[in-house]
Amino acid sequence: MLIIKPNCECSNVSLPANSSKAYICTYECTFCEDCLTGILQGVCPNCGGDLQRRPIRPVKAYRPGVGLQHHSASKERVVGQFNEQEITTFVDKIKHIPAYQR
């Protein structure tokens, strides 16, 4: 089950659980759409994987025991460990490699 982090790890912009502008990698590093299309150029600065739109967990429990009512989104904000120059250098090295070949 996804943690559903509350913010972009790059810009610290808030990303509510129902945001259609949240993107994640397979490690669930979380980024906003502006960072995805800007500095990150679709590359996770932590693992080098690609970023996909984060699924939205329904608020209502359409089936017993599921939904945000039962499994809330994380409230713990995460801030990335790399500065802008480190991110740009990393992304520039691998952005040309298709995600399935990284």
C-alpha atoms as a PDB file:
ATOM      1  CA  MET A   1       0.000   0.000   0.000  1.00  0.00           C
ATOM      2  CA  LEU A   2       1.323   3.442  -0.904  1.00  0.00           C
ATOM      3  CA  ILE A   3       2.352   5.819   1.872  1.00  0.00           C
ATOM      4  CA  ILE A   4       1.030   8.853  -0.062  1.00  0.00           C
ATOM      5  CA  LYS A   5       3.563  11.458   1.021  1.00  0.00           C
ATOM      6  CA  PRO A   6       2.179  14.972   1.577  1.00  0.00           C
ATOM      7  CA  ASN A   7       4.754  17.010  -0.349  1.00  0.00           C
ATOM      8  CA  CYS A   8       7.184  17.284  -3.244  1.00  0.00           C
ATOM      9  CA  GLU A   9      10.630  16.172  -2.101  1.00  0.00           C
ATOM     10  CA  CYS A  10      12.250  18.728  -4.397  1.00  0.00           C
ATOM     11  CA  SER A  11      10.236  21.944  -3.913  1.00  0.00           C
ATOM     12  CA  ASN A  12       8.357  21.032  -0.694  1.00  0.00           C
ATOM     13  CA  VAL A  13       5.056  22.004  -2.363  1.00  0.00           C
ATOM     14  CA  SER A  14       2.075  20.384  -0.644  1.00  0.00           C
ATOM     15  CA  LEU A  15       0.543  17.450  -2.520  1.00  0.00           C
ATOM     16  CA  PRO A  16      -2.738  16.381  -0.900  1.00  0.00           C
ATOM     17  CA  ALA A  17      -3.811  12.751  -1.217  1.00  0.00           C
ATOM     18  CA  ASN A  18      -6.228  13.668  -4.023  1.00  0.00           C
ATOM     19  CA  SER A  19      -3.681  15.676  -6.052  1.00  0.00           C
ATOM     20  CA  SER A  20      -3.517  14.886  -9.757  1.00  0.00           C
ATOM     21  CA  LYS A  21      -0.143  16.667  -9.869  1.00  0.00           C
ATOM     22  CA  ALA A  22       1.797  14.184  -7.722  1.00  0.00           C
ATOM     23  CA  TYR A  23       4.326  11.817  -9.303  1.00  0.00           C
ATOM     24  CA  ILE A  24       6.211   8.876  -7.790  1.00  0.00           C
ATOM     25  CA  CYS A  25       8.968   6.418  -8.677  1.00  0.00           C
ATOM     26  CA  THR A  26       8.994   2.741  -7.668  1.00  0.00           C
ATOM     27  CA  TYR A  27      10.470   3.712  -4.287  1.00  0.00           C
ATOM     28  CA  GLU A  28       7.631   6.194  -3.830  1.00  0.00           C
ATOM     29  CA  CYS A  29       9.862   9.252  -3.960  1.00  0.00           C
ATOM     30  CA  THR A  30       7.270  11.977  -4.514  1.00  0.00           C
ATOM     31  CA  PHE A  31       7.457  15.056  -6.731  1.00  0.00           C
ATOM     32  CA  CYS A  32       5.139  17.745  -8.092  1.00  0.00           C
ATOM     33  CA  GLU A  33       4.323  18.227 -11.756  1.00  0.00           C
ATOM     34  CA  ASP A  34       6.377  21.438 -11.985  1.00  0.00           C
ATOM     35  CA  CYS A  35       9.529  19.663 -10.771  1.00  0.00           C
ATOM     36  CA  LEU A  36       8.769  16.619 -12.944  1.00  0.00           C
ATOM     37  CA  THR A  37       8.696  18.696 -16.124  1.00  0.00           C
ATOM     38  CA  GLY A  38      11.344  21.168 -14.939  1.00  0.00           C
ATOM     39  CA  ILE A  39      14.517  20.282 -13.087  1.00  0.00           C
ATOM     40  CA  LEU A  40      13.824  16.522 -12.968  1.00  0.00           C
ATOM     41  CA  GLN A  41      12.923  16.071 -16.645  1.00  0.00           C
ATOM     42  CA  GLY A  42      11.016  12.916 -15.702  1.00  0.00           C
ATOM     43  CA  VAL A  43      13.932  11.325 -13.812  1.00  0.00           C
ATOM     44  CA  CYS A  44      13.863  10.486 -10.104  1.00  0.00           C
ATOM     45  CA  PRO A  45      16.907  12.260  -8.613  1.00  0.00           C
ATOM     46  CA  ASN A  46      17.260   9.547  -5.964  1.00  0.00           C
ATOM     47  CA  CYS A  47      17.163   6.279  -7.915  1.00  0.00           C
ATOM     48  CA  GLY A  48      17.243   7.313 -11.586  1.00  0.00           C
ATOM     49  CA  GLY A  49      13.922   5.665 -12.324  1.00  0.00           C
ATOM     50  CA  ASP A  50      11.048   7.262 -14.175  1.00  0.00           C
ATOM     51  CA  LEU A  51       8.197   9.085 -12.495  1.00  0.00           C
ATOM     52  CA  GLN A  52       4.532   8.205 -12.958  1.00  0.00           C
ATOM     53  CA  ARG A  53       1.363   9.892 -11.773  1.00  0.00           C
ATOM     54  CA  ARG A  54       0.564   8.833  -8.214  1.00  0.00           C
ATOM     55  CA  PRO A  55      -2.754   6.974  -7.944  1.00  0.00           C
ATOM     56  CA  ILE A  56      -5.491   8.641  -5.924  1.00  0.00           C
ATOM     57  CA  ARG A  57      -6.838   6.613  -3.009  1.00  0.00           C
ATOM     58  CA  PRO A  58     -10.610   6.988  -2.714  1.00  0.00           C
ATOM     59  CA  VAL A  59     -11.832   8.900   0.332  1.00  0.00           C
ATOM     60  CA  LYS A  60     -14.898   6.715   0.690  1.00  0.00           C
ATOM     61  CA  ALA A  61     -14.668   3.033   1.598  1.00  0.00           C
ATOM     62  CA  TYR A  62     -16.416   1.485  -1.395  1.00  0.00           C
ATOM     63  CA  ARG A  63     -15.415  -1.894   0.022  1.00  0.00           C
ATOM     64  CA  PRO A  64     -15.058  -2.676   3.731  1.00  0.00           C
ATOM     65  CA  GLY A  65     -11.746  -1.610   5.235  1.00  0.00           C
ATOM     66  CA  VAL A  66     -10.336   0.367   2.308  1.00  0.00           C
ATOM     67  CA  GLY A  67     -10.064   4.034   1.348  1.00  0.00           C
ATOM     68  CA  LEU A  68      -8.559   7.011   3.133  1.00  0.00           C
ATOM     69  CA  GLN A  69     -11.010   6.516   6.013  1.00  0.00           C
ATOM     70  CA  HIS A  70      -9.119   3.346   6.934  1.00  0.00           C
ATOM     71  CA  HIS A  71      -5.656   3.984   5.495  1.00  0.00           C
ATOM     72  CA  SER A  72      -4.844   7.670   5.695  1.00  0.00           C
ATOM     73  CA  ALA A  73      -2.106   9.439   3.785  1.00  0.00           C
ATOM     74  CA  SER A  74       1.173  10.177   5.525  1.00  0.00           C
ATOM     75  CA  LYS A  75       1.563  13.498   7.319  1.00  0.00           C
ATOM     76  CA  GLU A  76       5.361  13.229   7.450  1.00  0.00           C
ATOM     77  CA  ARG A  77       6.973  15.664   5.023  1.00  0.00           C
ATOM     78  CA  VAL A  78      10.090  14.447   3.213  1.00  0.00           C
ATOM     79  CA  VAL A  79      12.723  16.796   1.803  1.00  0.00           C
ATOM     80  CA  GLY A  80      15.281  15.550  -0.710  1.00  0.00           C
ATOM     81  CA  GLN A  81      18.954  15.250   0.164  1.00  0.00           C
ATOM     82  CA  PHE A  82      20.404  16.701  -3.049  1.00  0.00           C
ATOM     83  CA  ASN A  83      20.849  20.344  -4.030  1.00  0.00           C
ATOM     84  CA  GLU A  84      19.849  21.765  -7.414  1.00  0.00           C
ATOM     85  CA  GLN A  85      23.320  21.367  -8.947  1.00  0.00           C
ATOM     86  CA  GLU A  86      23.582  17.741  -7.827  1.00  0.00           C
ATOM     87  CA  ILE A  87      20.141  16.988  -9.254  1.00  0.00           C
ATOM     88  CA  THR A  88      20.891  18.685 -12.575  1.00  0.00           C
ATOM     89  CA  THR A  89      24.221  16.862 -12.963  1.00  0.00           C
ATOM     90  CA  PHE A  90      22.616  13.496 -12.173  1.00  0.00           C
ATOM     91  CA  VAL A  91      19.601  14.024 -14.446  1.00  0.00           C
ATOM     92  CA  ASP A  92      21.758  15.248 -17.344  1.00  0.00           C
ATOM     93  CA  LYS A  93      23.793  12.000 -17.211  1.00  0.00           C
ATOM     94  CA  ILE A  94      20.830   9.660 -17.606  1.00  0.00           C
ATOM     95  CA  LYS A  95      17.829  11.548 -19.025  1.00  0.00           C
ATOM     96  CA  HIS A  96      18.638  10.394 -22.567  1.00  0.00           C
ATOM     97  CA  ILE A  97      18.449   6.713 -21.547  1.00  0.00           C
ATOM     98  CA  PRO A  98      14.899   5.309 -21.894  1.00  0.00           C
ATOM     99  CA  ALA A  99      13.478   4.399 -18.486  1.00  0.00           C
ATOM    100  CA  TYR A 100      13.172   0.718 -19.369  1.00  0.00           C
ATOM    101  CA  GLN A 101      16.924   0.608 -20.078  1.00  0.00           C
ATOM    102  CA  ARG A 102      18.190   2.454 -16.993  1.00  0.00           C
END
